[in-house]
Amino acid sequence: MISFTCDYSEGAHPKILERLAATNLEQLPGYGMDHYCESAKAKIREACAAPDADVFFLVGGTQTNSTVIAAMLRDYEGVVSAETGHIGVHEAGAVEYTGHKVLTIPGHRGKILPEELSSCLEAAVTDPNYEHMVFPGMVYISFPTEYGTIYSKQKLEEIRAICDKYSLPLFIDGARLGYGLMSPECDLTLPDIARLSDVFYIGGTKVGCFCGEAVVFPKGNAPAHFYTITKQHGAMMAKGRLLGIQFDTLFTDGLYFEISRYAIDMAMRLKEMLTEHGCTFFLDSPTNQQFVILENSKLEELSKHVAFDLWDKVDHDHTAVRFATSWATPPEHIDELRRWL
């Protein structure tokens, strides 16, 4: 059985394993106070062209989203997200669990439209009953989105301008950030992401790490006591070195971008193969997640040999499924998939 289920099926990149093994018996301070974490932070600041950035290492994506949102919102505020946003669909209500409502607006292949965001915020501030409502306190987007799509620089700048107009922070969920930045259709860089956001995170769990996300407040604008809030939310690792060493390795000699580009190369190879076989695509994705529509009978047969993710029921006889490549996808797995289509 070969798997295209997700992009974190494997453990960690071999260079990370080597660094963890080589440093295993070093005695280091806990909770991210070690020199590997400091080195990783410095490398991330340099890669983001944000020398004043506050950088924190958290254990996983859901913990990161709920911690950042809770830290930045007042009690009566919610976070605006596409209806397909990860925080509103696949995180078991983690944000609501902290007392903050996810305020959804339409998602268009995973993306929000600037004009619809503007209408939503304008309606909120002009509603005569606004004191009875949950206030929009933040805008959340994913890059890439849950549908593998990406924002152009122009659209992200438009969203940034709207956030500025209404004095709202922009939070970019970067669980798959590397795969978005290395897409052939992407016109954004990591410094652009830092410049246009108030907070974002660089995903490690899905891009080569065992676990971990690097939260970046690019303007040195971390909320007061964010370190303490992280611990309250169970998002801090006592052996913080494990996260610092991983990110220090990823941001040495461009490894993060190298392995992200490899995943995209595999995705484009997969996309080409699926096209050659006459597969119907559910949508056009330029990143490592590829979505196709299968007849249910074909889906059942294929699932005996290949693991993939069921995505959406199209009609009585057809289902949209997702194939995801990663930093570790062997080319041979694409050739094997070809045999069963």
Protein backbone atom coordinates (compact mmCIF):
# COMPACT_ATOMS: atom_id res chain seq x y z
CA MET A 1 0.00 0.00 0.00
CA ILE A 2 1.38 3.38 -1.02
CA SER A 3 0.10 6.56 0.56
CA PHE A 4 -0.81 10.03 -0.70
CA THR A 5 -3.07 10.66 2.29
CA CYS A 6 -1.28 13.69 3.71
CA ASP A 7 2.06 15.48 3.84
CA TYR A 8 3.10 14.36 7.31
CA SER A 9 2.98 10.58 6.98
CA GLU A 10 6.75 10.23 7.33
CA GLY A 11 8.87 11.15 10.33
CA ALA A 12 11.52 13.82 9.75
CA HIS A 13 14.09 14.73 7.14
CA PRO A 14 17.34 12.72 7.49
CA LYS A 15 19.38 15.88 8.18
CA ILE A 16 17.12 16.64 11.13
CA LEU A 17 17.56 13.09 12.41
CA GLU A 18 21.32 13.48 12.14
CA ARG A 19 21.30 16.75 14.11
CA LEU A 20 19.01 15.34 16.80
CA ALA A 21 21.22 12.28 17.19
CA ALA A 22 24.43 14.30 17.23
CA THR A 23 23.13 16.63 19.97
CA ASN A 24 21.19 14.04 21.93
CA LEU A 25 23.42 13.87 24.99
CA GLU A 26 24.10 17.58 25.29
CA GLN A 27 22.77 19.04 28.51
CA LEU A 28 20.75 22.11 27.61
CA PRO A 29 18.26 24.45 29.31
CA GLY A 30 14.59 23.67 28.80
CA TYR A 31 11.62 25.55 27.36
CA GLY A 32 13.43 26.97 24.34
CA MET A 33 16.15 28.75 26.29
CA ASP A 34 18.96 26.85 24.56
CA HIS A 35 21.37 28.16 21.94
CA TYR A 36 19.87 26.03 19.16
CA CYS A 37 16.55 27.83 19.53
CA GLU A 38 18.35 31.16 19.50
CA SER A 39 20.25 30.18 16.37
CA ALA A 40 17.05 29.07 14.66
CA LYS A 41 15.33 32.34 15.55
CA ALA A 42 18.22 34.34 14.08
CA LYS A 43 18.12 32.35 10.85
CA ILE A 44 14.36 32.78 10.55
CA ARG A 45 14.64 36.54 11.11
CA GLU A 46 17.23 36.70 8.35
CA ALA A 47 15.13 34.59 5.95
CA CYS A 48 12.11 36.82 6.63
CA ALA A 49 14.12 40.05 6.29
CA ALA A 50 12.58 40.95 9.64
CA PRO A 51 15.44 41.66 12.07
CA ASP A 52 13.11 42.76 14.87
CA ALA A 53 10.76 39.77 14.65
CA ASP A 54 9.65 37.88 17.73
CA VAL A 55 9.89 34.14 17.06
CA PHE A 56 8.38 31.33 19.14
CA PHE A 57 8.36 27.56 18.63
CA LEU A 58 5.07 25.78 19.32
CA VAL A 59 4.33 22.09 19.13
CA GLY A 60 1.64 21.85 16.43
CA GLY A 61 -0.77 23.61 14.12
CA THR A 62 -3.98 23.46 16.12
CA GLN A 63 -2.20 24.59 19.28
CA THR A 64 -0.58 27.40 17.31
CA ASN A 65 -3.82 28.67 15.81
CA SER A 66 -5.74 28.61 19.08
CA THR A 67 -2.88 30.13 21.08
CA VAL A 68 -2.16 32.99 18.67
CA ILE A 69 -5.83 33.86 18.27
CA ALA A 70 -6.55 33.75 22.00
CA ALA A 71 -3.50 35.87 22.75
CA MET A 72 -4.38 38.60 20.28
CA LEU A 73 -8.15 38.92 20.72
CA ARG A 74 -10.15 40.61 23.45
CA ASP A 75 -12.81 38.56 25.20
CA TYR A 76 -15.62 39.91 23.02
CA GLU A 77 -13.84 39.49 19.68
CA GLY A 78 -13.92 36.78 17.04
CA VAL A 79 -11.74 35.90 14.07
CA VAL A 80 -12.86 36.23 10.44
CA SER A 81 -12.11 33.21 8.27
CA ALA A 82 -13.21 31.58 5.05
CA GLU A 83 -15.93 29.04 5.74
CA THR A 84 -13.44 26.38 4.60
CA GLY A 85 -10.71 27.68 6.93
CA HIS A 86 -8.93 25.07 9.01
CA ILE A 87 -9.78 26.81 12.29
CA GLY A 88 -13.50 26.49 11.57
CA VAL A 89 -13.60 23.00 10.06
CA HIS A 90 -10.84 20.63 11.16
CA GLU A 91 -9.68 21.80 14.58
CA ALA A 92 -12.50 20.40 16.73
CA GLY A 93 -13.64 23.84 17.83
CA ALA A 94 -10.25 24.65 19.40
CA VAL A 95 -10.66 28.38 18.78
CA GLU A 96 -14.20 28.44 20.16
CA TYR A 97 -12.92 26.46 23.13
CA THR A 98 -10.81 29.50 24.04
CA GLY A 99 -13.97 31.65 23.97
CA HIS A 100 -13.59 33.21 20.52
CA LYS A 101 -16.09 32.71 17.72
CA VAL A 102 -14.93 31.92 14.18
CA LEU A 103 -16.82 34.40 11.97
CA THR A 104 -17.04 32.79 8.54
CA ILE A 105 -17.40 34.39 5.14
CA PRO A 106 -17.58 32.59 1.77
CA GLY A 107 -14.52 30.72 0.62
CA HIS A 108 -13.72 30.57 -3.07
CA ARG A 109 -11.58 27.51 -3.61
CA GLY A 110 -10.34 28.17 -0.10
CA LYS A 111 -9.65 31.88 -0.53
CA ILE A 112 -11.52 34.92 0.72
CA LEU A 113 -12.23 37.77 -1.67
CA PRO A 114 -11.09 41.25 -0.57
CA GLU A 115 -14.43 42.80 -1.53
CA GLU A 116 -16.39 40.28 0.54
CA LEU A 117 -14.06 40.77 3.49
CA SER A 118 -14.56 44.52 3.23
CA SER A 119 -18.35 44.12 3.11
CA CYS A 120 -18.30 41.85 6.15
CA LEU A 121 -16.25 44.29 8.22
CA GLU A 122 -18.20 47.33 7.11
CA ALA A 123 -21.47 45.62 8.01
CA ALA A 124 -20.08 44.82 11.45
CA VAL A 125 -18.98 48.36 12.29
CA THR A 126 -22.16 49.99 10.97
CA ASP A 127 -24.63 47.56 12.53
CA PRO A 128 -26.73 49.60 15.03
CA ASN A 129 -26.82 46.50 17.24
CA TYR A 130 -23.05 46.03 17.18
CA GLU A 131 -22.81 45.94 20.97
CA HIS A 132 -24.90 42.76 20.89
CA MET A 133 -22.59 41.13 18.36
CA VAL A 134 -19.23 39.38 18.34
CA PHE A 135 -16.74 41.99 17.11
CA PRO A 136 -14.36 41.04 14.28
CA GLY A 137 -10.96 41.26 15.93
CA MET A 138 -8.67 39.52 13.45
CA VAL A 139 -8.55 38.22 9.88
CA TYR A 140 -7.26 34.67 9.34
CA ILE A 141 -6.17 33.15 6.04
CA SER A 142 -4.25 30.01 5.11
CA PHE A 143 -1.34 30.02 2.68
CA PRO A 144 -1.70 27.71 0.87
CA THR A 145 -5.38 27.25 1.54
CA GLU A 146 -7.02 23.99 2.52
CA TYR A 147 -7.70 23.49 -1.20
CA GLY A 148 -4.08 23.93 -2.22
CA THR A 149 -4.71 27.36 -3.73
CA ILE A 150 -2.60 30.45 -3.10
CA TYR A 151 -3.11 34.20 -2.91
CA SER A 152 -1.33 36.46 -5.36
CA LYS A 153 0.75 39.33 -4.01
CA GLN A 154 -1.87 41.78 -5.28
CA LYS A 155 -4.74 40.03 -3.47
CA LEU A 156 -2.75 39.73 -0.27
CA GLU A 157 -1.89 43.42 -0.44
CA GLU A 158 -5.58 44.22 -0.91
CA ILE A 159 -6.47 42.15 2.15
CA ARG A 160 -3.69 43.89 4.09
CA ALA A 161 -5.10 47.30 3.13
CA ILE A 162 -8.57 46.27 4.35
CA CYS A 163 -7.13 45.07 7.65
CA ASP A 164 -5.36 48.41 8.04
CA LYS A 165 -8.56 50.32 7.29
CA TYR A 166 -10.38 48.53 10.11
CA SER A 167 -7.32 48.27 12.41
CA LEU A 168 -7.35 44.48 12.45
CA PRO A 169 -4.32 42.18 12.57
CA LEU A 170 -3.82 39.71 9.71
CA PHE A 171 -2.87 36.17 10.74
CA ILE A 172 -1.50 33.82 8.07
CA ASP A 173 -1.66 30.11 8.82
CA GLY A 174 1.50 28.75 7.21
CA ALA A 175 1.17 25.06 8.01
CA ARG A 176 2.17 24.37 4.38
CA LEU A 177 3.90 27.70 3.79
CA GLY A 178 6.92 26.21 2.04
CA TYR A 179 4.76 24.41 -0.48
CA GLY A 180 2.96 27.65 -1.29
CA LEU A 181 6.12 29.72 -1.67
CA MET A 182 7.72 27.15 -3.98
CA SER A 183 4.71 26.85 -6.26
CA PRO A 184 5.50 27.91 -9.84
CA GLU A 185 2.47 30.22 -9.68
CA CYS A 186 3.55 32.01 -6.50
CA ASP A 187 4.75 35.62 -6.80
CA LEU A 188 5.27 36.04 -3.06
CA THR A 189 8.44 35.55 -1.03
CA LEU A 190 8.92 34.84 2.66
CA PRO A 191 9.84 38.52 3.26
CA ASP A 192 6.57 39.47 1.52
CA ILE A 193 4.63 37.23 3.90
CA ALA A 194 6.40 38.88 6.84
CA ARG A 195 5.79 42.38 5.47
CA LEU A 196 2.09 41.85 4.79
CA SER A 197 1.10 40.02 7.98
CA ASP A 198 0.97 40.87 11.66
CA VAL A 199 1.65 37.28 12.62
CA PHE A 200 2.23 34.09 10.66
CA TYR A 201 3.79 30.74 11.22
CA ILE A 202 6.24 28.62 9.31
CA GLY A 203 4.94 25.08 9.30
CA GLY A 204 7.38 22.38 10.27
CA THR A 205 5.08 19.43 10.94
CA LYS A 206 4.10 19.17 7.26
CA VAL A 207 7.44 20.31 5.88
CA GLY A 208 10.18 18.05 7.18
CA CYS A 209 9.94 18.17 10.98
CA PHE A 210 8.73 15.54 13.42
CA CYS A 211 6.55 18.29 14.85
CA GLY A 212 6.57 22.00 15.47
CA GLU A 213 5.65 25.39 14.03
CA ALA A 214 7.64 28.62 14.14
CA VAL A 215 5.38 31.58 15.02
CA VAL A 216 6.69 34.89 13.73
CA PHE A 217 5.55 38.33 14.85
CA PRO A 218 7.50 40.16 12.13
CA LYS A 219 7.39 43.63 13.61
CA GLY A 220 8.43 42.61 17.11
CA ASN A 221 4.75 42.87 17.99
CA ALA A 222 4.14 39.75 20.05
CA PRO A 223 1.36 40.17 22.62
CA ALA A 224 2.51 40.73 26.17
CA HIS A 225 3.45 37.50 27.95
CA PHE A 226 2.98 35.38 24.81
CA TYR A 227 5.50 32.89 26.22
CA THR A 228 3.30 32.39 29.30
CA ILE A 229 0.14 32.17 27.20
CA THR A 230 1.79 29.49 25.06
CA LYS A 231 2.42 27.41 28.16
CA GLN A 232 -1.16 27.92 29.37
CA HIS A 233 -2.41 26.51 26.07
CA GLY A 234 -0.26 23.39 26.25
CA ALA A 235 1.66 24.47 23.16
CA MET A 236 5.11 24.64 24.73
CA MET A 237 7.60 21.80 24.77
CA ALA A 238 9.72 21.37 27.90
CA LYS A 239 12.53 19.99 25.75
CA GLY A 240 12.36 23.02 23.51
CA ARG A 241 15.68 22.04 21.96
CA LEU A 242 13.80 19.45 19.90
CA LEU A 243 11.99 22.23 18.06
CA GLY A 244 14.95 24.60 17.90
CA ILE A 245 17.30 21.99 16.43
CA GLN A 246 14.74 21.05 13.79
CA PHE A 247 14.16 24.63 12.62
CA ASP A 248 17.84 25.47 12.86
CA THR A 249 18.45 22.59 10.45
CA LEU A 250 15.60 23.58 8.12
CA PHE A 251 16.95 27.12 7.83
CA THR A 252 20.55 26.10 7.22
CA ASP A 253 21.63 26.24 3.56
CA GLY A 254 18.05 26.71 2.36
CA LEU A 255 16.88 23.21 3.27
CA TYR A 256 13.30 24.34 3.99
CA PHE A 257 12.91 25.75 0.50
CA GLU A 258 14.78 22.89 -1.15
CA ILE A 259 12.53 20.18 0.26
CA SER A 260 9.41 22.28 -0.34
CA ARG A 261 10.40 22.66 -4.00
CA TYR A 262 10.89 18.91 -4.23
CA ALA A 263 7.34 18.31 -2.99
CA ILE A 264 6.03 20.69 -5.64
CA ASP A 265 8.06 18.93 -8.33
CA MET A 266 6.46 15.65 -7.27
CA ALA A 267 3.01 17.27 -7.25
CA MET A 268 3.47 18.58 -10.80
CA ARG A 269 4.63 15.15 -11.91
CA LEU A 270 1.56 13.66 -10.25
CA LYS A 271 -0.69 16.27 -11.86
CA GLU A 272 0.74 15.55 -15.29
CA MET A 273 0.21 11.83 -14.84
CA LEU A 274 -3.39 12.29 -13.67
CA THR A 275 -4.05 14.53 -16.67
CA GLU A 276 -2.62 11.94 -19.05
CA HIS A 277 -5.05 9.40 -17.59
CA GLY A 278 -7.99 11.67 -18.31
CA CYS A 279 -8.80 12.35 -14.67
CA THR A 280 -11.26 15.17 -13.96
CA PHE A 281 -9.88 17.67 -11.49
CA PHE A 282 -12.13 18.97 -8.72
CA LEU A 283 -10.18 22.24 -8.87
CA ASP A 284 -6.86 23.50 -10.15
CA SER A 285 -4.22 23.49 -7.41
CA PRO A 286 -0.67 24.77 -7.98
CA THR A 287 0.70 23.23 -4.78
CA ASN A 288 1.26 19.82 -3.26
CA GLN A 289 -2.42 18.96 -2.81
CA GLN A 290 -4.13 17.64 -5.95
CA PHE A 291 -7.88 17.02 -6.07
CA VAL A 292 -9.59 14.74 -8.60
CA ILE A 293 -13.09 13.35 -9.07
CA LEU A 294 -13.44 9.57 -9.13
CA GLU A 295 -16.38 7.33 -9.83
CA ASN A 296 -17.25 5.59 -6.59
CA SER A 297 -16.62 2.16 -8.11
CA LYS A 298 -13.14 3.29 -9.21
CA LEU A 299 -12.54 4.85 -5.79
CA GLU A 300 -13.35 1.59 -4.05
CA GLU A 301 -11.02 -0.40 -6.29
CA LEU A 302 -8.19 2.11 -6.08
CA SER A 303 -8.37 2.26 -2.30
CA LYS A 304 -7.30 -1.38 -2.15
CA HIS A 305 -3.86 -0.37 -3.39
CA VAL A 306 -3.45 3.34 -2.66
CA ALA A 307 -4.22 5.44 0.42
CA PHE A 308 -5.68 8.90 -0.27
CA ASP A 309 -8.03 11.34 1.41
CA LEU A 310 -11.76 11.50 0.73
CA TRP A 311 -12.63 15.15 0.27
CA ASP A 312 -16.14 15.93 -0.92
CA LYS A 313 -19.13 14.09 -2.32
CA VAL A 314 -19.76 15.45 -5.81
CA ASP A 315 -22.95 13.51 -6.63
CA HIS A 316 -24.46 10.10 -6.03
CA ASP A 317 -21.82 8.35 -8.16
CA HIS A 318 -18.73 10.55 -7.81
CA THR A 319 -16.44 11.70 -5.00
CA ALA A 320 -13.65 14.26 -4.90
CA VAL A 321 -10.45 12.88 -3.40
CA ARG A 322 -7.11 14.42 -2.47
CA PHE A 323 -3.64 13.19 -3.29
CA ALA A 324 -0.90 14.98 -1.31
CA THR A 325 2.81 14.89 -2.01
CA SER A 326 5.47 15.89 0.50
CA TRP A 327 9.17 16.46 0.99
CA ALA A 328 9.53 12.66 1.18
CA THR A 329 7.35 11.40 -1.71
CA PRO A 330 9.31 8.84 -3.76
CA PRO A 331 8.90 9.18 -7.54
CA GLU A 332 8.27 5.44 -7.58
CA HIS A 333 5.00 5.98 -5.71
CA ILE A 334 3.68 8.08 -8.58
CA ASP A 335 4.67 5.35 -11.01
CA GLU A 336 2.91 2.81 -8.78
CA LEU A 337 -0.24 4.94 -8.70
CA ARG A 338 -0.16 5.03 -12.49
CA ARG A 339 -0.53 1.24 -12.52
CA TRP A 340 -3.82 1.32 -10.63
CA LEU A 341 -5.60 4.22 -12.34
